[in-house]
Amino acid sequence: MHASVLPAAQYAATGALTVWMITGFTPLPGRWLRWKMFCRATFTIVTLTGTTTDGRTEPVNVYEHLSPGSFILGPPQLQAILDHLTAHAPYTRIDGHGRVLSARGEQPLQVRSSHVVL
């Protein structure tokens, strides 16, 4: 009798662990990647257009200004890069739109006159 109880307990524990792992990777409504590795990360996906001193517009890639291997860009870091690009680059202003993905869900993001607006 003890020999049949042990495999049944192992199957039950394995099943419970499998269900817990599967539900841990599925997002809740309004949430994005609730796995603990991502729960405090904030990702910004943004499309920007810069206006140069002579009035031309061109796309701006802020991800080129991150350190190598870095991909996490929050609104404060984005604002710091925008400040740098308008102070030390030929841009007079930068405008755009995008999204901020975090544990609180997805939020729209606007960049108006080189200022991040959530």
N, C-alpha and C. Protein backbone atom coordinates (compact mmCIF):
# COMPACT_ATOMS: atom_id res chain seq x y z
N MET A 1 0.82 -1.18 0.00
CA MET A 1 0.00 0.00 0.00
C MET A 1 0.87 1.26 0.00
N HIS A 2 1.96 1.26 0.74
CA HIS A 2 2.83 2.42 0.78
C HIS A 2 3.50 2.67 -0.58
N ALA A 3 3.75 1.61 -1.33
CA ALA A 3 4.40 1.74 -2.62
C ALA A 3 3.51 2.49 -3.61
N SER A 4 2.19 2.37 -3.51
CA SER A 4 1.30 3.06 -4.45
C SER A 4 1.00 4.49 -4.01
N VAL A 5 1.15 4.79 -2.72
CA VAL A 5 0.88 6.15 -2.23
C VAL A 5 1.99 7.12 -2.65
N LEU A 6 3.23 6.66 -2.63
CA LEU A 6 4.35 7.52 -2.99
C LEU A 6 4.28 8.00 -4.44
N PRO A 7 4.07 7.14 -5.44
CA PRO A 7 3.94 7.65 -6.81
C PRO A 7 2.74 8.59 -6.99
N ALA A 8 1.66 8.32 -6.31
CA ALA A 8 0.49 9.20 -6.42
C ALA A 8 0.81 10.58 -5.85
N ALA A 9 1.54 10.63 -4.74
CA ALA A 9 1.93 11.93 -4.16
C ALA A 9 2.92 12.65 -5.08
N GLN A 10 3.82 11.91 -5.69
CA GLN A 10 4.77 12.52 -6.62
C GLN A 10 4.05 13.11 -7.84
N TYR A 11 3.08 12.37 -8.37
CA TYR A 11 2.31 12.87 -9.51
C TYR A 11 1.51 14.11 -9.13
N ALA A 12 0.93 14.11 -7.95
CA ALA A 12 0.15 15.27 -7.50
C ALA A 12 1.06 16.48 -7.31
N ALA A 13 2.22 16.28 -6.69
CA ALA A 13 3.16 17.39 -6.50
C ALA A 13 3.68 17.90 -7.83
N THR A 14 3.99 17.00 -8.75
CA THR A 14 4.47 17.40 -10.07
C THR A 14 3.39 18.17 -10.83
N GLY A 15 2.17 17.70 -10.75
CA GLY A 15 1.06 18.40 -11.41
C GLY A 15 0.83 19.79 -10.83
N ALA A 16 0.86 19.90 -9.50
CA ALA A 16 0.68 21.20 -8.86
C ALA A 16 1.80 22.16 -9.23
N LEU A 17 3.03 21.67 -9.24
CA LEU A 17 4.16 22.50 -9.62
C LEU A 17 4.06 22.95 -11.07
N THR A 18 3.65 22.07 -11.96
CA THR A 18 3.49 22.41 -13.38
C THR A 18 2.42 23.47 -13.57
N VAL A 19 1.28 23.32 -12.91
CA VAL A 19 0.22 24.32 -13.01
C VAL A 19 0.69 25.66 -12.45
N TRP A 20 1.39 25.65 -11.34
CA TRP A 20 1.90 26.89 -10.73
C TRP A 20 2.87 27.59 -11.68
N MET A 21 3.76 26.83 -12.33
CA MET A 21 4.73 27.42 -13.25
C MET A 21 4.03 27.99 -14.50
N ILE A 22 3.05 27.29 -15.03
CA ILE A 22 2.34 27.78 -16.22
C ILE A 22 1.58 29.06 -15.90
N THR A 23 0.88 29.10 -14.77
CA THR A 23 0.12 30.30 -14.42
C THR A 23 1.03 31.44 -14.01
N GLY A 24 2.25 31.16 -13.56
CA GLY A 24 3.19 32.21 -13.20
C GLY A 24 3.70 32.98 -14.41
N PHE A 25 3.66 32.36 -15.59
CA PHE A 25 4.12 33.03 -16.80
C PHE A 25 3.00 33.67 -17.60
N THR A 26 1.77 33.47 -17.21
CA THR A 26 0.66 34.07 -17.94
C THR A 26 0.27 35.38 -17.29
N PRO A 27 0.07 36.42 -18.07
CA PRO A 27 -0.26 37.72 -17.50
C PRO A 27 -1.71 37.79 -17.02
N LEU A 28 -1.89 38.50 -15.95
CA LEU A 28 -3.24 38.79 -15.49
C LEU A 28 -3.81 39.91 -16.34
N PRO A 29 -5.13 40.10 -16.36
CA PRO A 29 -5.67 41.22 -17.12
C PRO A 29 -5.06 42.54 -16.65
N GLY A 30 -4.54 43.31 -17.59
CA GLY A 30 -3.93 44.59 -17.26
C GLY A 30 -2.49 44.48 -16.80
N ARG A 31 -1.95 43.30 -16.80
CA ARG A 31 -0.56 43.09 -16.37
C ARG A 31 0.27 42.59 -17.53
N TRP A 32 1.58 42.76 -17.42
CA TRP A 32 2.49 42.34 -18.48
C TRP A 32 3.66 41.63 -17.83
N LEU A 33 3.88 40.41 -18.20
CA LEU A 33 4.99 39.60 -17.69
C LEU A 33 5.10 39.65 -16.17
N ARG A 34 4.22 38.97 -15.49
CA ARG A 34 4.23 39.05 -14.03
C ARG A 34 5.26 38.13 -13.38
N TRP A 35 6.10 37.48 -14.16
CA TRP A 35 7.16 36.65 -13.59
C TRP A 35 8.08 37.56 -12.80
N LYS A 36 8.60 37.09 -11.67
CA LYS A 36 9.35 37.93 -10.74
C LYS A 36 10.56 38.61 -11.37
N MET A 37 11.15 37.99 -12.38
CA MET A 37 12.30 38.61 -13.02
C MET A 37 11.93 39.93 -13.69
N PHE A 38 10.69 40.05 -14.16
CA PHE A 38 10.25 41.23 -14.89
C PHE A 38 9.38 42.17 -14.05
N CYS A 39 9.04 41.82 -12.83
CA CYS A 39 8.03 42.56 -12.09
C CYS A 39 8.45 43.98 -11.75
N ARG A 40 9.72 44.29 -11.67
CA ARG A 40 10.15 45.65 -11.34
C ARG A 40 10.77 46.37 -12.55
N ALA A 41 10.85 45.70 -13.67
CA ALA A 41 11.42 46.30 -14.87
C ALA A 41 10.39 47.19 -15.56
N THR A 42 10.86 48.24 -16.17
CA THR A 42 10.02 49.13 -16.96
C THR A 42 10.64 49.25 -18.34
N PHE A 43 9.87 48.90 -19.34
CA PHE A 43 10.33 48.94 -20.71
C PHE A 43 9.62 50.06 -21.44
N THR A 44 10.33 50.79 -22.26
CA THR A 44 9.74 51.86 -23.06
C THR A 44 9.96 51.54 -24.52
N ILE A 45 8.88 51.54 -25.27
CA ILE A 45 8.94 51.38 -26.72
C ILE A 45 8.48 52.71 -27.30
N VAL A 46 9.37 53.39 -28.02
CA VAL A 46 9.07 54.75 -28.45
C VAL A 46 9.58 54.99 -29.87
N THR A 47 8.83 55.78 -30.61
CA THR A 47 9.21 56.24 -31.94
C THR A 47 9.37 57.74 -31.88
N LEU A 48 10.55 58.24 -32.23
CA LEU A 48 10.85 59.67 -32.08
C LEU A 48 11.28 60.30 -33.40
N THR A 49 10.96 61.58 -33.53
CA THR A 49 11.38 62.38 -34.67
C THR A 49 12.05 63.63 -34.13
N GLY A 50 13.27 63.89 -34.59
CA GLY A 50 14.01 65.07 -34.14
C GLY A 50 13.99 66.16 -35.20
N THR A 51 13.88 67.40 -34.76
CA THR A 51 13.94 68.56 -35.65
C THR A 51 15.33 69.17 -35.49
N THR A 52 16.06 69.27 -36.60
CA THR A 52 17.42 69.81 -36.56
C THR A 52 17.39 71.33 -36.56
N THR A 53 18.55 71.92 -36.37
CA THR A 53 18.64 73.39 -36.30
C THR A 53 18.26 74.05 -37.62
N ASP A 54 18.39 73.33 -38.73
CA ASP A 54 18.01 73.91 -40.02
C ASP A 54 16.57 73.57 -40.42
N GLY A 55 15.79 72.98 -39.51
CA GLY A 55 14.37 72.73 -39.75
C GLY A 55 14.03 71.38 -40.34
N ARG A 56 15.00 70.55 -40.65
CA ARG A 56 14.72 69.21 -41.17
C ARG A 56 14.29 68.29 -40.04
N THR A 57 13.53 67.26 -40.39
CA THR A 57 13.15 66.24 -39.40
C THR A 57 13.77 64.92 -39.80
N GLU A 58 14.15 64.17 -38.79
CA GLU A 58 14.75 62.85 -39.02
C GLU A 58 14.43 61.96 -37.84
N PRO A 59 14.37 60.63 -38.08
CA PRO A 59 14.10 59.71 -36.97
C PRO A 59 15.25 59.70 -35.97
N VAL A 60 14.91 59.53 -34.70
CA VAL A 60 15.90 59.49 -33.62
C VAL A 60 15.79 58.12 -32.95
N ASN A 61 16.92 57.43 -32.82
CA ASN A 61 16.96 56.13 -32.15
C ASN A 61 17.65 56.30 -30.80
N VAL A 62 16.85 56.39 -29.72
CA VAL A 62 17.43 56.58 -28.39
C VAL A 62 18.12 55.32 -27.89
N TYR A 63 17.78 54.18 -28.45
CA TYR A 63 18.38 52.93 -28.00
C TYR A 63 19.87 52.85 -28.35
N GLU A 64 20.31 53.65 -29.33
CA GLU A 64 21.74 53.70 -29.66
C GLU A 64 22.54 54.34 -28.53
N HIS A 65 21.90 55.09 -27.67
CA HIS A 65 22.59 55.81 -26.61
C HIS A 65 22.59 55.05 -25.28
N LEU A 66 22.05 53.84 -25.27
CA LEU A 66 22.11 53.00 -24.07
C LEU A 66 23.44 52.27 -24.04
N SER A 67 23.85 51.83 -22.86
CA SER A 67 25.09 51.07 -22.76
C SER A 67 24.91 49.72 -23.46
N PRO A 68 25.99 49.14 -23.98
CA PRO A 68 25.89 47.86 -24.69
C PRO A 68 25.25 46.78 -23.82
N GLY A 69 24.32 46.06 -24.41
CA GLY A 69 23.62 44.99 -23.70
C GLY A 69 22.44 45.45 -22.89
N SER A 70 22.24 46.74 -22.78
CA SER A 70 21.12 47.26 -22.01
C SER A 70 19.90 47.43 -22.91
N PHE A 71 18.75 47.05 -22.41
CA PHE A 71 17.53 47.21 -23.18
C PHE A 71 16.40 47.80 -22.35
N ILE A 72 16.61 47.99 -21.07
CA ILE A 72 15.58 48.53 -20.19
C ILE A 72 15.69 50.04 -20.18
N LEU A 73 14.65 50.69 -20.63
CA LEU A 73 14.63 52.14 -20.73
C LEU A 73 13.33 52.64 -20.11
N GLY A 74 13.43 53.28 -18.96
CA GLY A 74 12.27 53.85 -18.30
C GLY A 74 12.12 55.31 -18.67
N PRO A 75 11.00 55.93 -18.31
CA PRO A 75 10.79 57.35 -18.61
C PRO A 75 11.89 58.29 -18.08
N PRO A 76 12.42 58.11 -16.86
CA PRO A 76 13.50 59.01 -16.42
C PRO A 76 14.76 58.88 -17.28
N GLN A 77 15.11 57.66 -17.67
CA GLN A 77 16.28 57.47 -18.53
C GLN A 77 16.03 58.05 -19.92
N LEU A 78 14.80 57.90 -20.42
CA LEU A 78 14.45 58.48 -21.71
C LEU A 78 14.58 59.99 -21.66
N GLN A 79 14.10 60.61 -20.58
CA GLN A 79 14.20 62.07 -20.45
C GLN A 79 15.66 62.51 -20.40
N ALA A 80 16.51 61.76 -19.72
CA ALA A 80 17.93 62.10 -19.66
C ALA A 80 18.58 62.03 -21.04
N ILE A 81 18.23 61.03 -21.83
CA ILE A 81 18.77 60.92 -23.18
C ILE A 81 18.26 62.06 -24.05
N LEU A 82 16.98 62.41 -23.92
CA LEU A 82 16.43 63.52 -24.70
C LEU A 82 17.11 64.83 -24.33
N ASP A 83 17.36 65.04 -23.04
CA ASP A 83 18.06 66.25 -22.61
C ASP A 83 19.46 66.31 -23.22
N HIS A 84 20.14 65.19 -23.24
CA HIS A 84 21.49 65.13 -23.83
C HIS A 84 21.44 65.41 -25.33
N LEU A 85 20.48 64.80 -26.02
CA LEU A 85 20.40 64.96 -27.47
C LEU A 85 20.05 66.39 -27.88
N THR A 86 19.24 67.07 -27.09
CA THR A 86 18.90 68.45 -27.44
C THR A 86 19.98 69.43 -27.01
N ALA A 87 20.79 69.07 -26.03
CA ALA A 87 21.86 69.97 -25.58
C ALA A 87 23.15 69.78 -26.37
N HIS A 88 23.45 68.54 -26.80
CA HIS A 88 24.74 68.25 -27.43
C HIS A 88 24.62 67.74 -28.86
N ALA A 89 23.47 67.74 -29.42
CA ALA A 89 23.28 67.24 -30.78
C ALA A 89 22.58 68.32 -31.60
N PRO A 90 22.50 68.15 -32.88
CA PRO A 90 21.90 69.20 -33.70
C PRO A 90 20.37 69.25 -33.63
N TYR A 91 19.76 68.70 -32.59
CA TYR A 91 18.29 68.73 -32.48
C TYR A 91 17.84 69.91 -31.63
N THR A 92 16.86 70.63 -32.13
CA THR A 92 16.26 71.70 -31.33
C THR A 92 15.09 71.18 -30.52
N ARG A 93 14.43 70.15 -31.05
CA ARG A 93 13.33 69.52 -30.31
C ARG A 93 13.16 68.09 -30.81
N ILE A 94 12.57 67.26 -29.96
CA ILE A 94 12.29 65.87 -30.30
C ILE A 94 10.85 65.59 -29.90
N ASP A 95 10.10 64.99 -30.80
CA ASP A 95 8.70 64.64 -30.56
C ASP A 95 8.49 63.17 -30.89
N GLY A 96 7.46 62.57 -30.30
CA GLY A 96 7.16 61.18 -30.62
C GLY A 96 6.08 60.61 -29.73
N HIS A 97 5.91 59.31 -29.85
CA HIS A 97 4.90 58.59 -29.07
C HIS A 97 5.38 57.16 -28.85
N GLY A 98 4.76 56.51 -27.88
CA GLY A 98 5.12 55.13 -27.59
C GLY A 98 4.32 54.57 -26.44
N ARG A 99 4.89 53.53 -25.81
CA ARG A 99 4.24 52.85 -24.70
C ARG A 99 5.25 52.55 -23.61
N VAL A 100 4.77 52.53 -22.38
CA VAL A 100 5.57 52.12 -21.24
C VAL A 100 4.96 50.83 -20.72
N LEU A 101 5.77 49.78 -20.63
CA LEU A 101 5.33 48.48 -20.14
C LEU A 101 5.97 48.24 -18.79
N SER A 102 5.13 47.98 -17.79
CA SER A 102 5.64 47.73 -16.44
C SER A 102 4.70 46.79 -15.72
N ALA A 103 4.97 46.56 -14.45
CA ALA A 103 4.11 45.69 -13.65
C ALA A 103 2.71 46.28 -13.48
N ARG A 104 2.58 47.58 -13.66
CA ARG A 104 1.26 48.23 -13.57
C ARG A 104 0.48 48.15 -14.87
N GLY A 105 1.04 47.52 -15.88
CA GLY A 105 0.37 47.38 -17.16
C GLY A 105 1.01 48.24 -18.22
N GLU A 106 0.24 48.54 -19.24
CA GLU A 106 0.73 49.33 -20.36
C GLU A 106 0.15 50.72 -20.30
N GLN A 107 0.99 51.73 -20.47
CA GLN A 107 0.56 53.12 -20.44
C GLN A 107 1.04 53.82 -21.71
N PRO A 108 0.22 54.72 -22.26
CA PRO A 108 0.71 55.49 -23.41
C PRO A 108 1.75 56.51 -22.98
N LEU A 109 2.64 56.85 -23.89
CA LEU A 109 3.71 57.80 -23.62
C LEU A 109 3.78 58.78 -24.79
N GLN A 110 3.91 60.04 -24.49
CA GLN A 110 4.07 61.08 -25.51
C GLN A 110 5.37 61.82 -25.23
N VAL A 111 6.05 62.24 -26.27
CA VAL A 111 7.20 63.13 -26.15
C VAL A 111 6.83 64.39 -26.92
N ARG A 112 6.72 65.48 -26.19
CA ARG A 112 6.34 66.77 -26.79
C ARG A 112 7.42 67.79 -26.46
N SER A 113 7.98 68.39 -27.47
CA SER A 113 9.02 69.41 -27.28
C SER A 113 10.13 68.91 -26.36
N SER A 114 10.56 67.69 -26.59
CA SER A 114 11.66 67.06 -25.85
C SER A 114 11.35 66.77 -24.39
N HIS A 115 10.07 66.68 -24.02
CA HIS A 115 9.67 66.35 -22.66
C HIS A 115 8.78 65.11 -22.66
N VAL A 116 9.08 64.17 -21.77
CA VAL A 116 8.30 62.94 -21.67
C VAL A 116 7.03 63.23 -20.89
N VAL A 117 5.89 62.83 -21.48
CA VAL A 117 4.58 63.03 -20.85
C VAL A 117 3.90 61.67 -20.76
N LEU A 118 3.58 61.23 -19.56
CA LEU A 118 2.86 59.96 -19.37
C LEU A 118 1.38 60.19 -19.32
